[in-house]
Structure formats: structure tokens, C-alpha cells
């Protein structure tokens, strides 16, 4: 956390080519991670809404295929 108490803006990078359709990300954070008709992950926006940072990190970390990467955006 920064010294100003502001949470950094995070974005998620999705590598659909790596996604194997386990769906753990969507189970842990359905507000960020969605599954298409083939069970592959997608996001409606790469920006993670405020307040969902921890859940989004947990969802990305749970991916056995390592198809999700969370990164901070420089303001």
C-alpha cells in the first residue's frame, strides 16, 4: 500500500491460450472473471474494480494454468 493510503489501480492480463477451463478464477471472483460457452476465462474489463483487488489476486493465483496475471498500473 502506498504512503497516501490509496490502493493502486490493478489490471488483469488474460492469456486465453493457456486457459484450460478449470473455472477456479470465476468461482473465487465472479465479479471479475467470467467463463464463455467453452468454459474459458474472459473479463469484461481488464481493470479490476476497487474493493475486488484481493479476490482478483486470489482468483489469478488459483489458476493451475497460470493464464492470469495481475499488474499495477502506473498513474
Protein backbone atom coordinates (compact mmCIF):
# COMPACT_ATOMS: atom_id res chain seq x y z
CA UNK A 1 0.00 0.00 0.00
CA UNK A 2 1.33 3.48 -0.77
CA UNK A 3 2.06 6.07 1.88
CA UNK A 4 -1.02 8.00 0.78
CA UNK A 5 -3.31 5.09 1.67
CA UNK A 6 -4.51 4.81 -1.93
CA UNK A 7 -4.82 1.35 -3.41
CA UNK A 8 -3.07 1.15 -6.79
CA UNK A 9 -5.17 0.54 -9.88
CA UNK A 10 -4.78 -3.07 -10.97
CA UNK A 11 -5.42 -4.74 -14.27
CA UNK A 12 -5.64 -8.37 -15.22
CA UNK A 13 -3.94 -9.83 -18.26
CA UNK A 14 -5.71 -12.92 -19.60
CA UNK A 15 -3.87 -15.48 -21.72
CA UNK A 16 -6.81 -17.42 -23.13
CA UNK A 17 -4.39 -19.72 -24.95
CA UNK A 18 -3.24 -21.05 -21.58
CA UNK A 19 -6.72 -21.36 -20.05
CA UNK A 20 -7.78 -24.97 -19.53
CA UNK A 21 -11.27 -24.18 -18.28
CA UNK A 22 -10.88 -25.20 -14.64
CA UNK A 23 -13.02 -22.20 -13.64
CA UNK A 24 -11.39 -21.66 -10.25
CA UNK A 25 -10.88 -17.97 -11.01
CA UNK A 26 -14.59 -17.45 -11.71
CA UNK A 27 -15.55 -19.37 -8.57
CA UNK A 28 -13.33 -17.16 -6.41
CA UNK A 29 -14.06 -13.82 -8.09
CA UNK A 30 -17.08 -13.96 -10.42
CA UNK A 31 -17.29 -10.15 -10.48
CA UNK A 32 -14.03 -10.05 -12.49
CA UNK A 33 -13.61 -13.44 -14.16
CA UNK A 34 -16.27 -14.80 -16.50
CA UNK A 35 -16.42 -18.06 -18.43
CA UNK A 36 -17.50 -18.25 -22.05
CA UNK A 37 -19.62 -21.01 -23.60
CA UNK A 38 -16.49 -23.20 -23.85
CA UNK A 39 -15.60 -22.66 -20.19
CA UNK A 40 -12.65 -20.39 -20.99
CA UNK A 41 -11.97 -17.27 -18.95
CA UNK A 42 -12.59 -13.74 -20.16
CA UNK A 43 -13.02 -10.36 -18.49
CA UNK A 44 -15.47 -7.61 -19.36
CA UNK A 45 -12.82 -5.04 -18.42
CA UNK A 46 -9.13 -5.56 -17.77
CA UNK A 47 -9.35 -3.01 -14.96
CA UNK A 48 -10.13 -4.55 -11.58
CA UNK A 49 -12.86 -2.63 -9.74
CA UNK A 50 -11.89 -1.06 -6.43
CA UNK A 51 -12.56 -3.32 -3.48
CA UNK A 52 -12.09 -6.52 -5.51
CA UNK A 53 -8.30 -6.47 -5.62
CA UNK A 54 -7.77 -9.26 -3.10
CA UNK A 55 -10.41 -11.54 -4.64
CA UNK A 56 -8.99 -10.92 -8.12
CA UNK A 57 -5.49 -11.80 -6.89
CA UNK A 58 -6.80 -14.99 -5.27
CA UNK A 59 -8.61 -15.96 -8.48
CA UNK A 60 -5.48 -15.41 -10.56
CA UNK A 61 -3.30 -17.30 -8.08
CA UNK A 62 -5.70 -20.27 -8.13
CA UNK A 63 -5.32 -20.76 -11.88
CA UNK A 64 -3.39 -24.03 -12.40
CA UNK A 65 -2.57 -23.00 -15.98
CA UNK A 66 -1.18 -19.60 -14.91
CA UNK A 67 -3.40 -17.90 -17.51
CA UNK A 68 -4.00 -14.78 -15.40
CA UNK A 69 -1.55 -12.08 -14.39
CA UNK A 70 -2.38 -9.13 -12.14
CA UNK A 71 -0.31 -5.97 -12.52
CA UNK A 72 -0.41 -2.47 -11.10
CA UNK A 73 -0.98 0.39 -13.50
CA UNK A 74 1.24 3.42 -13.12
CA UNK A 75 -0.84 6.58 -12.71
